[in-house]
Amino acid sequence: MPTQRSHTIMILGAYGQVGSDLRFELERNHSHTLICVGSETLNLTELDKIVPFIVERKPDIIINCAAYTNAEKAEAEPDIAEAINAYAPREIAKACEHLSIPFIHISTDYVFGGHAKSPIPPSTQPNPINVYGVTKAKGESFIQEHCSKHIIVRTSWVFGLFSHNFVKTMLRLGKKHETIRVVHDQHGSPTSAHTLVQGLIAMSKKALEEPSLSLWGMYHLSNPNPTTWYGFAQKIFVYGKEAGIPQVLKELVPIATSEFPLKAQRPSYSVMDCTKTWLTFDLQPNDWQEELRSVIFQLKEIGIDHQNHLPPHKRVKKY
């Protein structure tokens, strides 16, 4: 029986929330060589450096976890957000096309405006309502234009062990405040970084081993059973208490979006239909509540503010 070839996977944004989870999982359980790239080495606003950087290293596939994700700051820094979310993916796509390799890119539910009433299929045209969403939609379009072997993965409300996220913010606030107000009229699907990473790994495996014209395109990936930010927060504190994480919180107050004014408008409904993803990549994700409970119990052990660093390994090239 022939030996399965070991591939070289380049992870861009390898030290952010999703990138950290992805490199940890690939390093622990897979035999591929990893090229882990952070912003200190490849600044995605320096567009002219992206193609040469990638072409010189000749990966077999690129997974782009890098993004400008702060929707509020994007309103004040549209040029930076556009460079990282739109023009950098364009350059990555060009490099992938030049090397004839697959490009897996993470996008967002914020490309939608919130006017849907039922789960949104991947074929739906974007209609973003804030700068962040506009720049991510533009990035999607560039990738479709410049790279034939692309998989774009829209996800939503990501939480996990690494970096900043809603779960960690709520747990921190719960230690300091007796009352917390949370929006109850925005509907979406929490997604654990673990679920997203398992999807990315399944996608990369199929892209490398079973590539076909029907594989490339747009996919949605989030955990089942949508909720609101308020419903999400309720479960965070239930599991936080169960895990023994200290909290002084006495009251969680549901409020309307209009009572919590922000610069960036948020979609009121961004639940996505993930059926295509589950069928194509043979995935069976857990409910987000099950994933949330697991994350919170792990955070109890390692600390809410921990910063994970992988030990050196001969298969990992850190740039």
C-alpha atoms as a PDB file:
ATOM      1  CA  MET A   1       0.000   0.000   0.000  1.00  0.00           C
ATOM      2  CA  PRO A   2       1.485   3.397  -0.978  1.00  0.00           C
ATOM      3  CA  THR A   3       2.463   5.753   1.826  1.00  0.00           C
ATOM      4  CA  GLN A   4       0.270   8.841   2.096  1.00  0.00           C
ATOM      5  CA  ARG A   5       2.188  11.942   1.137  1.00  0.00           C
ATOM      6  CA  SER A   6       2.920  14.525   3.800  1.00  0.00           C
ATOM      7  CA  HIS A   7       1.838  17.999   2.680  1.00  0.00           C
ATOM      8  CA  THR A   8       3.019  21.457   3.628  1.00  0.00           C
ATOM      9  CA  ILE A   9       0.218  23.616   5.039  1.00  0.00           C
ATOM     10  CA  MET A  10       0.693  27.359   5.391  1.00  0.00           C
ATOM     11  CA  ILE A  11      -1.464  28.973   8.088  1.00  0.00           C
ATOM     12  CA  LEU A  12      -1.788  32.749   7.853  1.00  0.00           C
ATOM     13  CA  GLY A  13      -2.948  34.394  11.067  1.00  0.00           C
ATOM     14  CA  ALA A  14      -1.533  31.389  12.920  1.00  0.00           C
ATOM     15  CA  TYR A  15      -1.460  33.112  16.314  1.00  0.00           C
ATOM     16  CA  GLY A  16      -4.996  34.493  16.478  1.00  0.00           C
ATOM     17  CA  GLN A  17      -8.079  32.811  17.905  1.00  0.00           C
ATOM     18  CA  VAL A  18      -8.775  30.304  15.123  1.00  0.00           C
ATOM     19  CA  GLY A  19      -5.180  30.049  13.892  1.00  0.00           C
ATOM     20  CA  SER A  20      -3.932  29.063  17.339  1.00  0.00           C
ATOM     21  CA  ASP A  21      -6.528  26.323  17.641  1.00  0.00           C
ATOM     22  CA  LEU A  22      -5.770  25.125  14.103  1.00  0.00           C
ATOM     23  CA  ARG A  23      -1.983  24.920  14.489  1.00  0.00           C
ATOM     24  CA  PHE A  24      -2.373  23.219  17.866  1.00  0.00           C
ATOM     25  CA  GLU A  25      -4.673  20.567  16.387  1.00  0.00           C
ATOM     26  CA  LEU A  26      -2.537  19.992  13.292  1.00  0.00           C
ATOM     27  CA  GLU A  27       0.668  19.814  15.303  1.00  0.00           C
ATOM     28  CA  ARG A  28      -0.810  17.372  17.793  1.00  0.00           C
ATOM     29  CA  ASN A  29      -2.684  14.963  15.538  1.00  0.00           C
ATOM     30  CA  HIS A  30      -1.406  15.240  11.990  1.00  0.00           C
ATOM     31  CA  SER A  31       1.824  14.548  10.135  1.00  0.00           C
ATOM     32  CA  HIS A  32       1.911  17.496   7.757  1.00  0.00           C
ATOM     33  CA  THR A  33       4.612  20.153   7.789  1.00  0.00           C
ATOM     34  CA  LEU A  34       3.250  23.480   9.019  1.00  0.00           C
ATOM     35  CA  ILE A  35       4.358  26.947   7.997  1.00  0.00           C
ATOM     36  CA  CYS A  36       2.880  29.135  10.738  1.00  0.00           C
ATOM     37  CA  VAL A  37       2.831  32.817   9.800  1.00  0.00           C
ATOM     38  CA  GLY A  38       2.030  35.704  12.121  1.00  0.00           C
ATOM     39  CA  SER A  39       1.635  39.423  11.507  1.00  0.00           C
ATOM     40  CA  GLU A  40       5.126  40.135  12.871  1.00  0.00           C
ATOM     41  CA  THR A  41       6.615  38.379   9.851  1.00  0.00           C
ATOM     42  CA  LEU A  42       4.084  39.036   7.102  1.00  0.00           C
ATOM     43  CA  ASN A  43       2.224  42.313   7.521  1.00  0.00           C
ATOM     44  CA  LEU A  44      -0.860  41.922   5.344  1.00  0.00           C
ATOM     45  CA  THR A  45      -1.109  45.669   4.796  1.00  0.00           C
ATOM     46  CA  GLU A  46       2.184  45.457   2.858  1.00  0.00           C
ATOM     47  CA  LEU A  47       0.486  44.011  -0.175  1.00  0.00           C
ATOM     48  CA  ASP A  48       3.522  43.845  -2.467  1.00  0.00           C
ATOM     49  CA  LYS A  49       5.258  41.382  -0.114  1.00  0.00           C
ATOM     50  CA  ILE A  50       2.500  38.760   0.012  1.00  0.00           C
ATOM     51  CA  VAL A  51       2.923  36.969  -3.321  1.00  0.00           C
ATOM     52  CA  PRO A  52       6.749  36.710  -3.125  1.00  0.00           C
ATOM     53  CA  PHE A  53       6.540  35.438   0.469  1.00  0.00           C
ATOM     54  CA  ILE A  54       4.149  32.642  -0.483  1.00  0.00           C
ATOM     55  CA  VAL A  55       5.739  31.690  -3.792  1.00  0.00           C
ATOM     56  CA  GLU A  56       9.196  31.428  -2.204  1.00  0.00           C
ATOM     57  CA  ARG A  57       7.926  28.902   0.392  1.00  0.00           C
ATOM     58  CA  LYS A  58       5.821  26.814  -2.033  1.00  0.00           C
ATOM     59  CA  PRO A  59       3.137  25.402   0.310  1.00  0.00           C
ATOM     60  CA  ASP A  60       0.710  22.751  -0.896  1.00  0.00           C
ATOM     61  CA  ILE A  61      -2.287  24.628   0.532  1.00  0.00           C
ATOM     62  CA  ILE A  62      -2.986  27.888   2.375  1.00  0.00           C
ATOM     63  CA  ILE A  63      -5.502  28.347   5.168  1.00  0.00           C
ATOM     64  CA  ASN A  64      -6.082  32.031   5.866  1.00  0.00           C
ATOM     65  CA  CYS A  65      -7.182  32.688   9.454  1.00  0.00           C
ATOM     66  CA  ALA A  66      -5.980  36.308   9.402  1.00  0.00           C
ATOM     67  CA  ALA A  67      -8.537  39.109   9.422  1.00  0.00           C
ATOM     68  CA  TYR A  68      -9.337  42.542  10.777  1.00  0.00           C
ATOM     69  CA  THR A  69     -12.308  41.472  12.923  1.00  0.00           C
ATOM     70  CA  ASN A  70     -13.023  44.469  15.155  1.00  0.00           C
ATOM     71  CA  ALA A  71     -16.225  45.805  13.604  1.00  0.00           C
ATOM     72  CA  GLU A  72     -16.190  48.970  15.737  1.00  0.00           C
ATOM     73  CA  LYS A  73     -12.600  49.934  14.918  1.00  0.00           C
ATOM     74  CA  ALA A  74     -13.194  49.166  11.253  1.00  0.00           C
ATOM     75  CA  GLU A  75     -15.626  52.077  11.074  1.00  0.00           C
ATOM     76  CA  ALA A  76     -12.757  54.411  12.033  1.00  0.00           C
ATOM     77  CA  GLU A  77     -10.031  52.526  10.120  1.00  0.00           C
ATOM     78  CA  PRO A  78     -11.700  51.467   6.858  1.00  0.00           C
ATOM     79  CA  ASP A  79      -8.475  51.554   4.850  1.00  0.00           C
ATOM     80  CA  ILE A  80      -6.656  49.158   7.176  1.00  0.00           C
ATOM     81  CA  ALA A  81      -9.683  46.848   7.375  1.00  0.00           C
ATOM     82  CA  GLU A  82      -9.957  46.855   3.582  1.00  0.00           C
ATOM     83  CA  ALA A  83      -6.258  46.089   3.127  1.00  0.00           C
ATOM     84  CA  ILE A  84      -6.349  43.079   5.475  1.00  0.00           C
ATOM     85  CA  ASN A  85      -9.837  41.767   4.660  1.00  0.00           C
ATOM     86  CA  ALA A  86     -10.038  42.464   0.927  1.00  0.00           C
ATOM     87  CA  TYR A  87      -6.758  43.273  -0.820  1.00  0.00           C
ATOM     88  CA  ALA A  88      -4.564  40.837   1.141  1.00  0.00           C
ATOM     89  CA  PRO A  89      -6.864  37.886   0.284  1.00  0.00           C
ATOM     90  CA  ARG A  90      -6.686  39.042  -3.354  1.00  0.00           C
ATOM     91  CA  GLU A  91      -2.887  38.783  -3.277  1.00  0.00           C
ATOM     92  CA  ILE A  92      -2.995  35.418  -1.480  1.00  0.00           C
ATOM     93  CA  ALA A  93      -5.425  34.201  -4.139  1.00  0.00           C
ATOM     94  CA  LYS A  94      -3.043  35.314  -6.884  1.00  0.00           C
ATOM     95  CA  ALA A  95      -0.181  33.418  -5.249  1.00  0.00           C
ATOM     96  CA  CYS A  96      -2.309  30.284  -4.917  1.00  0.00           C
ATOM     97  CA  GLU A  97      -3.344  30.498  -8.556  1.00  0.00           C
ATOM     98  CA  HIS A  98       0.302  30.918  -9.587  1.00  0.00           C
ATOM     99  CA  LEU A  99       1.267  27.798  -7.613  1.00  0.00           C
ATOM    100  CA  SER A 100      -1.954  25.971  -8.588  1.00  0.00           C
ATOM    101  CA  ILE A 101      -2.727  25.168  -4.943  1.00  0.00           C
ATOM    102  CA  PRO A 102      -5.982  25.329  -2.924  1.00  0.00           C
ATOM    103  CA  PHE A 103      -6.845  28.402  -0.871  1.00  0.00           C
ATOM    104  CA  ILE A 104      -9.136  28.070   2.171  1.00  0.00           C
ATOM    105  CA  HIS A 105     -10.322  31.417   3.509  1.00  0.00           C
ATOM    106  CA  ILE A 106     -12.458  32.285   6.540  1.00  0.00           C
ATOM    107  CA  SER A 107     -15.226  34.828   6.031  1.00  0.00           C
ATOM    108  CA  THR A 108     -18.161  35.962   8.170  1.00  0.00           C
ATOM    109  CA  ASP A 109     -21.917  36.124   8.623  1.00  0.00           C
ATOM    110  CA  TYR A 110     -21.480  39.918   8.704  1.00  0.00           C
ATOM    111  CA  VAL A 111     -21.503  39.943   4.905  1.00  0.00           C
ATOM    112  CA  PHE A 112     -25.299  39.722   5.336  1.00  0.00           C
ATOM    113  CA  GLY A 113     -27.532  42.593   6.333  1.00  0.00           C
ATOM    114  CA  GLY A 114     -29.836  40.802   8.734  1.00  0.00           C
ATOM    115  CA  HIS A 115     -33.040  40.933   6.683  1.00  0.00           C
ATOM    116  CA  ALA A 116     -33.472  37.164   6.289  1.00  0.00           C
ATOM    117  CA  LYS A 117     -36.130  35.264   8.243  1.00  0.00           C
ATOM    118  CA  SER A 118     -34.740  31.738   7.777  1.00  0.00           C
ATOM    119  CA  PRO A 119     -31.240  30.216   7.630  1.00  0.00           C
ATOM    120  CA  ILE A 120     -29.196  31.769   4.830  1.00  0.00           C
ATOM    121  CA  PRO A 121     -27.780  29.408   2.155  1.00  0.00           C
ATOM    122  CA  PRO A 122     -24.230  29.933   0.805  1.00  0.00           C
ATOM    123  CA  SER A 123     -25.550  31.019  -2.590  1.00  0.00           C
ATOM    124  CA  THR A 124     -27.135  34.161  -1.100  1.00  0.00           C
ATOM    125  CA  GLN A 125     -25.614  37.395  -2.349  1.00  0.00           C
ATOM    126  CA  PRO A 126     -23.932  39.526   0.339  1.00  0.00           C
ATOM    127  CA  ASN A 127     -25.562  42.773   1.464  1.00  0.00           C
ATOM    128  CA  PRO A 128     -23.292  44.051   4.267  1.00  0.00           C
ATOM    129  CA  ILE A 129     -24.301  46.954   6.500  1.00  0.00           C
ATOM    130  CA  ASN A 130     -20.995  47.877   8.136  1.00  0.00           C
ATOM    131  CA  VAL A 131     -17.387  48.449   7.056  1.00  0.00           C
ATOM    132  CA  TYR A 132     -16.211  45.103   8.386  1.00  0.00           C
ATOM    133  CA  GLY A 133     -18.874  43.260   6.379  1.00  0.00           C
ATOM    134  CA  VAL A 134     -18.175  45.309   3.258  1.00  0.00           C
ATOM    135  CA  THR A 135     -14.459  44.534   3.383  1.00  0.00           C
ATOM    136  CA  LYS A 136     -15.012  40.812   3.986  1.00  0.00           C
ATOM    137  CA  ALA A 137     -17.509  40.620   1.100  1.00  0.00           C
ATOM    138  CA  LYS A 138     -15.000  42.377  -1.135  1.00  0.00           C
ATOM    139  CA  GLY A 139     -12.370  39.823  -0.127  1.00  0.00           C
ATOM    140  CA  GLU A 140     -14.718  36.993  -1.066  1.00  0.00           C
ATOM    141  CA  SER A 141     -15.242  38.523  -4.485  1.00  0.00           C
ATOM    142  CA  PHE A 142     -11.516  38.937  -5.112  1.00  0.00           C
ATOM    143  CA  ILE A 143     -10.826  35.313  -4.171  1.00  0.00           C
ATOM    144  CA  GLN A 144     -13.538  34.062  -6.518  1.00  0.00           C
ATOM    145  CA  GLU A 145     -12.056  36.205  -9.283  1.00  0.00           C
ATOM    146  CA  HIS A 146      -8.372  35.323  -8.854  1.00  0.00           C
ATOM    147  CA  CYS A 147      -8.194  31.736  -7.532  1.00  0.00           C
ATOM    148  CA  SER A 148      -9.909  28.793  -9.190  1.00  0.00           C
ATOM    149  CA  LYS A 149      -9.197  26.354  -6.316  1.00  0.00           C
ATOM    150  CA  HIS A 150     -10.839  28.223  -3.453  1.00  0.00           C
ATOM    151  CA  ILE A 151     -12.990  27.321  -0.467  1.00  0.00           C
ATOM    152  CA  ILE A 152     -14.541  30.276   1.348  1.00  0.00           C
ATOM    153  CA  VAL A 153     -15.928  29.435   4.783  1.00  0.00           C
ATOM    154  CA  ARG A 154     -18.380  31.864   6.350  1.00  0.00           C
ATOM    155  CA  THR A 155     -18.686  31.426  10.097  1.00  0.00           C
ATOM    156  CA  SER A 156     -20.206  33.351  13.023  1.00  0.00           C
ATOM    157  CA  TRP A 157     -19.859  34.284  16.700  1.00  0.00           C
ATOM    158  CA  VAL A 158     -16.609  32.348  17.168  1.00  0.00           C
ATOM    159  CA  PHE A 159     -15.450  31.426  20.673  1.00  0.00           C
ATOM    160  CA  GLY A 160     -12.622  29.294  22.017  1.00  0.00           C
ATOM    161  CA  LEU A 161      -9.599  29.047  24.284  1.00  0.00           C
ATOM    162  CA  PHE A 162      -7.381  31.568  22.527  1.00  0.00           C
ATOM    163  CA  SER A 163      -7.382  35.340  22.006  1.00  0.00           C
ATOM    164  CA  HIS A 164     -10.346  37.607  22.755  1.00  0.00           C
ATOM    165  CA  ASN A 165     -13.973  36.522  22.365  1.00  0.00           C
ATOM    166  CA  PHE A 166     -17.460  36.998  23.795  1.00  0.00           C
ATOM    167  CA  VAL A 167     -17.181  34.077  26.222  1.00  0.00           C
ATOM    168  CA  LYS A 168     -14.030  35.399  27.871  1.00  0.00           C
ATOM    169  CA  THR A 169     -15.446  38.927  27.972  1.00  0.00           C
ATOM    170  CA  MET A 170     -18.616  37.780  29.726  1.00  0.00           C
ATOM    171  CA  LEU A 171     -16.683  35.705  32.276  1.00  0.00           C
ATOM    172  CA  ARG A 172     -14.423  38.662  33.043  1.00  0.00           C
ATOM    173  CA  LEU A 173     -17.391  41.013  33.425  1.00  0.00           C
ATOM    174  CA  GLY A 174     -19.165  38.500  35.637  1.00  0.00           C
ATOM    175  CA  LYS A 175     -16.282  38.679  38.099  1.00  0.00           C
ATOM    176  CA  LYS A 176     -16.640  42.462  38.461  1.00  0.00           C
ATOM    177  CA  HIS A 177     -20.268  43.481  37.887  1.00  0.00           C
ATOM    178  CA  GLU A 178     -23.503  42.482  39.586  1.00  0.00           C
ATOM    179  CA  THR A 179     -25.560  43.583  36.551  1.00  0.00           C
ATOM    180  CA  ILE A 180     -24.726  43.023  32.886  1.00  0.00           C
ATOM    181  CA  ARG A 181     -26.837  44.158  29.935  1.00  0.00           C
ATOM    182  CA  VAL A 182     -26.811  42.030  26.784  1.00  0.00           C
ATOM    183  CA  VAL A 183     -28.576  42.466  23.453  1.00  0.00           C
ATOM    184  CA  HIS A 184     -31.508  40.097  22.940  1.00  0.00           C
ATOM    185  CA  ASP A 185     -32.684  40.957  19.412  1.00  0.00           C
ATOM    186  CA  GLN A 186     -29.726  39.847  17.300  1.00  0.00           C
ATOM    187  CA  HIS A 187     -30.020  36.233  16.158  1.00  0.00           C
ATOM    188  CA  GLY A 188     -27.077  34.092  15.112  1.00  0.00           C
ATOM    189  CA  SER A 189     -25.158  30.885  15.696  1.00  0.00           C
ATOM    190  CA  PRO A 190     -22.268  30.613  18.166  1.00  0.00           C
ATOM    191  CA  THR A 191     -19.389  28.620  16.695  1.00  0.00           C
ATOM    192  CA  SER A 192     -16.623  27.010  18.693  1.00  0.00           C
ATOM    193  CA  ALA A 193     -13.134  27.381  17.286  1.00  0.00           C
ATOM    194  CA  HIS A 194     -12.848  23.616  17.728  1.00  0.00           C
ATOM    195  CA  THR A 195     -15.820  22.999  15.404  1.00  0.00           C
ATOM    196  CA  LEU A 196     -14.468  25.473  12.872  1.00  0.00           C
ATOM    197  CA  VAL A 197     -11.003  23.921  12.980  1.00  0.00           C
ATOM    198  CA  GLN A 198     -12.371  20.399  12.491  1.00  0.00           C
ATOM    199  CA  GLY A 199     -14.170  21.742   9.444  1.00  0.00           C
ATOM    200  CA  LEU A 200     -11.040  23.442   8.094  1.00  0.00           C
ATOM    201  CA  ILE A 201      -9.035  20.243   8.509  1.00  0.00           C
ATOM    202  CA  ALA A 202     -11.695  18.181   6.723  1.00  0.00           C
ATOM    203  CA  MET A 203     -11.778  20.756   3.930  1.00  0.00           C
ATOM    204  CA  SER A 204      -8.001  20.822   3.546  1.00  0.00           C
ATOM    205  CA  LYS A 205      -7.841  17.025   3.480  1.00  0.00           C
ATOM    206  CA  LYS A 206     -10.439  16.810   0.711  1.00  0.00           C
ATOM    207  CA  ALA A 207      -8.868  19.707  -1.198  1.00  0.00           C
ATOM    208  CA  LEU A 208      -5.480  17.956  -1.159  1.00  0.00           C
ATOM    209  CA  GLU A 209      -6.586  14.350  -1.690  1.00  0.00           C
ATOM    210  CA  GLU A 210      -9.874  14.560  -3.624  1.00  0.00           C
ATOM    211  CA  PRO A 211      -9.854  17.864  -5.521  1.00  0.00           C
ATOM    212  CA  SER A 212     -12.628  18.398  -8.043  1.00  0.00           C
ATOM    213  CA  LEU A 213     -14.385  21.255  -9.766  1.00  0.00           C
ATOM    214  CA  SER A 214     -17.492  20.636  -7.654  1.00  0.00           C
ATOM    215  CA  LEU A 215     -15.520  21.095  -4.419  1.00  0.00           C
ATOM    216  CA  TRP A 216     -14.527  24.722  -4.857  1.00  0.00           C
ATOM    217  CA  GLY A 217     -16.844  27.501  -3.759  1.00  0.00           C
ATOM    218  CA  MET A 218     -18.733  28.964  -0.800  1.00  0.00           C
ATOM    219  CA  TYR A 219     -19.611  27.172   2.444  1.00  0.00           C
ATOM    220  CA  HIS A 220     -21.246  28.071   5.752  1.00  0.00           C
ATOM    221  CA  LEU A 221     -20.018  26.600   9.019  1.00  0.00           C
ATOM    222  CA  SER A 222     -21.432  27.216  12.497  1.00  0.00           C
ATOM    223  CA  ASN A 223     -22.715  25.068  15.352  1.00  0.00           C
ATOM    224  CA  PRO A 224     -26.399  24.031  15.286  1.00  0.00           C
ATOM    225  CA  ASN A 225     -29.285  25.671  17.181  1.00  0.00           C
ATOM    226  CA  PRO A 226     -29.149  29.474  16.813  1.00  0.00           C
ATOM    227  CA  THR A 227     -29.712  31.847  19.694  1.00  0.00           C
ATOM    228  CA  THR A 228     -29.279  35.514  20.638  1.00  0.00           C
ATOM    229  CA  TRP A 229     -26.373  37.219  22.356  1.00  0.00           C
ATOM    230  CA  TYR A 230     -28.514  37.239  25.498  1.00  0.00           C
ATOM    231  CA  GLY A 231     -29.223  33.520  25.212  1.00  0.00           C
ATOM    232  CA  PHE A 232     -25.521  32.914  24.587  1.00  0.00           C
ATOM    233  CA  ALA A 233     -24.606  34.936  27.701  1.00  0.00           C
ATOM    234  CA  GLN A 234     -27.120  33.052  29.849  1.00  0.00           C
ATOM    235  CA  LYS A 235     -25.442  29.743  29.060  1.00  0.00           C
ATOM    236  CA  ILE A 236     -21.971  31.206  29.619  1.00  0.00           C
ATOM    237  CA  PHE A 237     -22.849  32.047  33.215  1.00  0.00           C
ATOM    238  CA  VAL A 238     -24.666  28.754  33.802  1.00  0.00           C
ATOM    239  CA  TYR A 239     -21.590  26.791  32.741  1.00  0.00           C
ATOM    240  CA  GLY A 240     -19.234  29.259  34.423  1.00  0.00           C
ATOM    241  CA  LYS A 241     -20.980  28.659  37.733  1.00  0.00           C
ATOM    242  CA  GLU A 242     -20.978  24.914  37.131  1.00  0.00           C
ATOM    243  CA  ALA A 243     -17.218  25.017  36.438  1.00  0.00           C
ATOM    244  CA  GLY A 244     -16.571  27.007  39.594  1.00  0.00           C
ATOM    245  CA  ILE A 245     -15.408  30.230  37.925  1.00  0.00           C
ATOM    246  CA  PRO A 246     -15.926  33.054  40.467  1.00  0.00           C
ATOM    247  CA  GLN A 247     -18.645  35.584  39.648  1.00  0.00           C
ATOM    248  CA  VAL A 248     -20.459  38.365  41.468  1.00  0.00           C
ATOM    249  CA  LEU A 249     -23.147  38.653  38.779  1.00  0.00           C
ATOM    250  CA  LYS A 250     -26.685  38.813  40.127  1.00  0.00           C
ATOM    251  CA  GLU A 251     -28.687  39.997  37.108  1.00  0.00           C
ATOM    252  CA  LEU A 252     -28.367  39.539  33.354  1.00  0.00           C
ATOM    253  CA  VAL A 253     -30.585  42.120  31.671  1.00  0.00           C
ATOM    254  CA  PRO A 254     -31.879  41.672  28.072  1.00  0.00           C
ATOM    255  CA  ILE A 255     -31.825  44.907  26.080  1.00  0.00           C
ATOM    256  CA  ALA A 256     -32.661  45.997  22.541  1.00  0.00           C
ATOM    257  CA  THR A 257     -29.890  46.794  20.064  1.00  0.00           C
ATOM    258  CA  SER A 258     -31.100  50.408  20.094  1.00  0.00           C
ATOM    259  CA  GLU A 259     -30.230  50.620  23.802  1.00  0.00           C
ATOM    260  CA  PHE A 260     -26.621  49.689  23.120  1.00  0.00           C
ATOM    261  CA  PRO A 261     -25.485  52.198  20.482  1.00  0.00           C
ATOM    262  CA  LEU A 262     -22.457  51.197  18.425  1.00  0.00           C
ATOM    263  CA  LYS A 263     -20.780  52.735  15.397  1.00  0.00           C
ATOM    264  CA  ALA A 264     -21.053  49.547  13.362  1.00  0.00           C
ATOM    265  CA  GLN A 265     -24.572  48.359  12.619  1.00  0.00           C
ATOM    266  CA  ARG A 266     -25.078  44.655  13.334  1.00  0.00           C
ATOM    267  CA  PRO A 267     -27.284  42.248  11.380  1.00  0.00           C
ATOM    268  CA  SER A 268     -30.418  41.386  13.344  1.00  0.00           C
ATOM    269  CA  TYR A 269     -30.518  37.890  11.809  1.00  0.00           C
ATOM    270  CA  SER A 270     -27.475  36.092  10.410  1.00  0.00           C
ATOM    271  CA  VAL A 271     -28.256  32.418  10.974  1.00  0.00           C
ATOM    272  CA  MET A 272     -26.633  30.428   8.164  1.00  0.00           C
ATOM    273  CA  ASP A 273     -27.682  27.184   6.471  1.00  0.00           C
ATOM    274  CA  CYS A 274     -24.725  24.782   6.832  1.00  0.00           C
ATOM    275  CA  THR A 275     -26.293  21.745   5.134  1.00  0.00           C
ATOM    276  CA  LYS A 276     -23.947  21.886   2.132  1.00  0.00           C
ATOM    277  CA  THR A 277     -20.907  21.858   4.424  1.00  0.00           C
ATOM    278  CA  TRP A 278     -22.066  18.910   6.509  1.00  0.00           C
ATOM    279  CA  LEU A 279     -22.844  16.817   3.437  1.00  0.00           C
ATOM    280  CA  THR A 280     -19.766  17.716   1.397  1.00  0.00           C
ATOM    281  CA  PHE A 281     -17.233  17.120   4.165  1.00  0.00           C
ATOM    282  CA  ASP A 282     -19.106  14.456   6.161  1.00  0.00           C
ATOM    283  CA  LEU A 283     -19.223  16.529   9.364  1.00  0.00           C
ATOM    284  CA  GLN A 284     -21.528  16.098  12.358  1.00  0.00           C
ATOM    285  CA  PRO A 285     -20.955  19.065  14.669  1.00  0.00           C
ATOM    286  CA  ASN A 286     -22.019  19.252  18.294  1.00  0.00           C
ATOM    287  CA  ASP A 287     -24.590  21.711  19.542  1.00  0.00           C
ATOM    288  CA  TRP A 288     -22.904  25.024  20.498  1.00  0.00           C
ATOM    289  CA  GLN A 289     -23.979  24.556  24.122  1.00  0.00           C
ATOM    290  CA  GLU A 290     -22.015  21.323  24.374  1.00  0.00           C
ATOM    291  CA  GLU A 291     -18.986  23.023  22.827  1.00  0.00           C
ATOM    292  CA  LEU A 292     -19.397  26.029  25.134  1.00  0.00           C
ATOM    293  CA  ARG A 293     -19.473  23.881  28.258  1.00  0.00           C
ATOM    294  CA  SER A 294     -16.268  22.150  27.163  1.00  0.00           C
ATOM    295  CA  VAL A 295     -14.496  25.454  26.492  1.00  0.00           C
ATOM    296  CA  ILE A 296     -15.529  26.966  29.832  1.00  0.00           C
ATOM    297  CA  PHE A 297     -14.345  23.949  31.807  1.00  0.00           C
ATOM    298  CA  GLN A 298     -11.009  24.134  29.977  1.00  0.00           C
ATOM    299  CA  LEU A 299     -10.764  27.866  30.698  1.00  0.00           C
ATOM    300  CA  LYS A 300     -11.307  27.090  34.359  1.00  0.00           C
ATOM    301  CA  GLU A 301      -8.208  24.874  34.255  1.00  0.00           C
ATOM    302  CA  ILE A 302      -5.892  27.056  32.183  1.00  0.00           C
ATOM    303  CA  GLY A 303      -7.195  30.536  33.066  1.00  0.00           C
ATOM    304  CA  ILE A 304      -9.324  33.012  31.144  1.00  0.00           C
ATOM    305  CA  ASP A 305      -6.328  35.208  30.326  1.00  0.00           C
ATOM    306  CA  HIS A 306      -3.866  32.500  29.315  1.00  0.00           C
ATOM    307  CA  GLN A 307      -1.751  32.807  26.191  1.00  0.00           C
ATOM    308  CA  ASN A 308      -0.890  29.415  24.727  1.00  0.00           C
ATOM    309  CA  HIS A 309       2.410  28.843  22.972  1.00  0.00           C
ATOM    310  CA  LEU A 310       3.217  25.538  21.312  1.00  0.00           C
ATOM    311  CA  PRO A 311       6.552  23.947  22.153  1.00  0.00           C
ATOM    312  CA  PRO A 312       9.107  23.862  19.321  1.00  0.00           C
ATOM    313  CA  HIS A 313       8.701  20.945  16.929  1.00  0.00           C
ATOM    314  CA  LYS A 314      10.706  19.877  13.929  1.00  0.00           C
ATOM    315  CA  ARG A 315       7.625  19.897  11.645  1.00  0.00           C
ATOM    316  CA  VAL A 316       6.700  23.502  12.439  1.00  0.00           C
ATOM    317  CA  LYS A 317       8.325  26.343  10.560  1.00  0.00           C
ATOM    318  CA  LYS A 318       7.606  29.523  12.484  1.00  0.00           C
ATOM    319  CA  TYR A 319       7.900  32.770  10.543  1.00  0.00           C
END
